[in-house]
Protein backbone atom coordinates (compact mmCIF):
# COMPACT_ATOMS: atom_id res chain seq x y z
CA UNK A 1 81.66 39.84 133.44
CA UNK A 2 80.95 38.57 129.95
CA UNK A 3 83.51 36.41 128.13
CA UNK A 4 83.77 35.88 124.38
CA UNK A 5 86.56 34.48 122.24
CA UNK A 6 87.66 33.39 118.80
CA UNK A 7 90.53 31.45 117.27
CA UNK A 8 92.31 33.01 114.30
CA UNK A 9 94.59 31.11 111.95
CA UNK A 10 97.31 33.78 111.86
CA UNK A 11 100.42 34.50 113.98
CA UNK A 12 99.96 36.65 117.05
CA UNK A 13 102.00 39.57 115.66
CA UNK A 14 99.65 39.87 112.68
CA UNK A 15 96.54 39.55 114.83
CA UNK A 16 97.85 42.26 117.17
CA UNK A 17 98.52 44.58 114.22
CA UNK A 18 95.02 44.10 112.81
CA UNK A 19 93.48 44.71 116.25
CA UNK A 20 95.42 47.88 117.03
CA UNK A 21 96.08 49.71 113.75
CA UNK A 22 93.32 52.20 112.79
CA UNK A 23 93.81 51.46 109.08
CA UNK A 24 92.58 47.92 109.86
CA UNK A 25 90.10 48.76 112.66
CA UNK A 26 87.87 50.62 110.18
CA UNK A 27 87.57 47.40 108.15
CA UNK A 28 86.25 45.10 110.90
CA UNK A 29 84.86 47.11 113.86
CA UNK A 30 81.12 46.57 113.29
CA UNK A 31 78.70 43.71 113.89
CA UNK A 32 77.11 43.18 110.47
CA UNK A 33 77.17 44.26 106.82
CA UNK A 34 74.56 47.01 107.36
CA UNK A 35 77.09 48.91 109.50
CA UNK A 36 80.61 50.24 109.01
CA UNK A 37 83.34 51.99 110.96
CA UNK A 38 84.11 55.27 109.16
CA UNK A 39 86.63 56.51 111.75
CA UNK A 40 89.10 55.00 114.22
CA UNK A 41 91.87 56.54 116.32
CA UNK A 42 94.23 54.66 118.61
CA UNK A 43 96.99 55.79 120.99
CA UNK A 44 98.12 52.35 122.18
CA UNK A 45 99.87 53.11 125.47
CA UNK A 46 98.90 53.22 129.14
CA UNK A 47 96.83 56.38 129.54
CA UNK A 48 96.33 56.61 125.78
CA UNK A 49 92.88 57.09 124.31
CA UNK A 50 91.09 55.25 121.56
CA UNK A 51 87.85 55.93 119.74
CA UNK A 52 85.92 54.59 116.81
CA UNK A 53 82.65 55.47 115.17
CA UNK A 54 80.19 52.76 114.28
CA UNK A 55 77.49 53.85 111.86
CA UNK A 56 74.69 52.33 109.83
CA UNK A 57 75.44 52.48 106.13
CA UNK A 58 72.07 54.15 105.51
CA UNK A 59 73.19 57.08 107.69
CA UNK A 60 70.30 56.79 110.15
CA UNK A 61 72.30 55.75 113.25
CA UNK A 62 75.82 56.09 114.60
CA UNK A 63 77.64 56.05 117.91
CA UNK A 64 81.14 56.54 119.20
CA UNK A 65 82.95 53.87 121.19
CA UNK A 66 85.99 54.91 123.19
CA UNK A 67 88.02 54.75 126.34
CA UNK A 68 91.42 54.96 127.98
CA UNK A 69 94.04 52.22 128.14
CA UNK A 70 94.96 51.05 131.63
CA UNK A 71 97.47 48.31 130.78
CA UNK A 72 99.25 47.14 127.63
CA UNK A 73 101.46 44.05 127.39
CA UNK A 74 102.64 43.77 123.79
CA UNK A 75 101.11 40.78 121.98
CA UNK A 76 99.44 39.60 125.23
CA UNK A 77 97.00 42.02 126.85
CA UNK A 78 95.08 45.22 126.24
CA UNK A 79 93.08 46.51 129.22
CA UNK A 80 90.97 49.64 129.15
CA UNK A 81 88.17 51.58 130.77
CA UNK A 82 85.28 52.62 128.59
CA UNK A 83 83.94 56.17 128.78
CA UNK A 84 81.15 54.95 131.09
CA UNK A 85 83.70 53.39 133.48
CA UNK A 86 83.22 49.74 132.54
CA UNK A 87 86.37 47.61 132.38
CA UNK A 88 87.45 45.51 129.40
CA UNK A 89 90.37 43.11 128.86
CA UNK A 90 91.46 41.66 125.54
CA UNK A 91 93.87 38.73 125.84
CA UNK A 92 95.97 37.32 123.01
CA UNK A 93 97.39 33.78 123.29
CA UNK A 94 99.38 32.04 120.58
CA UNK A 95 98.90 28.34 120.03
CA UNK A 96 100.75 26.20 117.50
CA UNK A 97 98.61 27.10 114.47
CA UNK A 98 96.41 29.92 115.72
CA UNK A 99 95.95 32.93 117.96
CA UNK A 100 93.19 32.96 120.55
CA UNK A 101 91.60 36.36 121.20
CA UNK A 102 89.57 36.59 124.41
CA UNK A 103 87.45 39.59 125.27
CA UNK A 104 86.21 39.97 128.86
CA UNK A 105 83.98 42.93 129.62
CA UNK A 106 81.62 44.37 132.18
CA UNK A 107 78.09 44.55 130.80
CA UNK A 108 76.15 47.78 130.74
CA UNK A 109 72.87 47.89 132.62
CA UNK A 110 70.47 48.93 129.81
CA UNK A 111 70.46 45.91 127.49
CA UNK A 112 70.19 42.18 128.34
CA UNK A 113 73.53 40.41 128.86
CA UNK A 114 72.75 37.87 126.13
CA UNK A 115 72.21 40.68 123.62
CA UNK A 116 75.47 42.38 124.62
CA UNK A 117 77.39 39.11 124.38
CA UNK A 118 75.94 38.42 120.93
CA UNK A 119 76.80 41.91 119.69
CA UNK A 120 80.38 41.87 120.94
CA UNK A 121 80.82 38.32 119.59
CA UNK A 122 79.55 39.45 116.17
CA UNK A 123 82.23 42.16 116.08
CA UNK A 124 84.87 39.63 117.15
CA UNK A 125 83.69 37.21 114.45
CA UNK A 126 83.92 40.03 111.91
CA UNK A 127 87.49 40.67 113.10
CA UNK A 128 88.39 36.99 112.63
CA UNK A 129 86.91 36.95 109.11
CA UNK A 130 88.78 40.11 108.13
CA UNK A 131 92.14 38.93 109.49
CA UNK A 132 91.94 35.47 107.91
CA UNK A 133 91.18 36.98 104.47
CA UNK A 134 94.35 39.11 104.54
């Protein structure tokens, strides 16, 4: 399992909304400024599906990222299985002045773990930057 996290200076209800609402997901779900997220769909319930498209802004590359929710605890936990069967948990914890978002995921076997961790952390950092600017 790979573990990443960030601390966001916003209340947990706002952080949850930015994480789960497709109108916000399209604004942060990519690792760097050369990419964007032109499409996101989210049925936030156990058994519900989600998907998003990550694409290079030059139009040369894109891929879909999706899965099925296995457990939802409002403002606390989102667990899901990716289309390739890997498991992911996103935990939300509120502290006095911030919300901690932890992402724990099973690595895929093609790319080095360090590269996967860095990529997922870049997306999480982009999320933090987007939320704190709102």
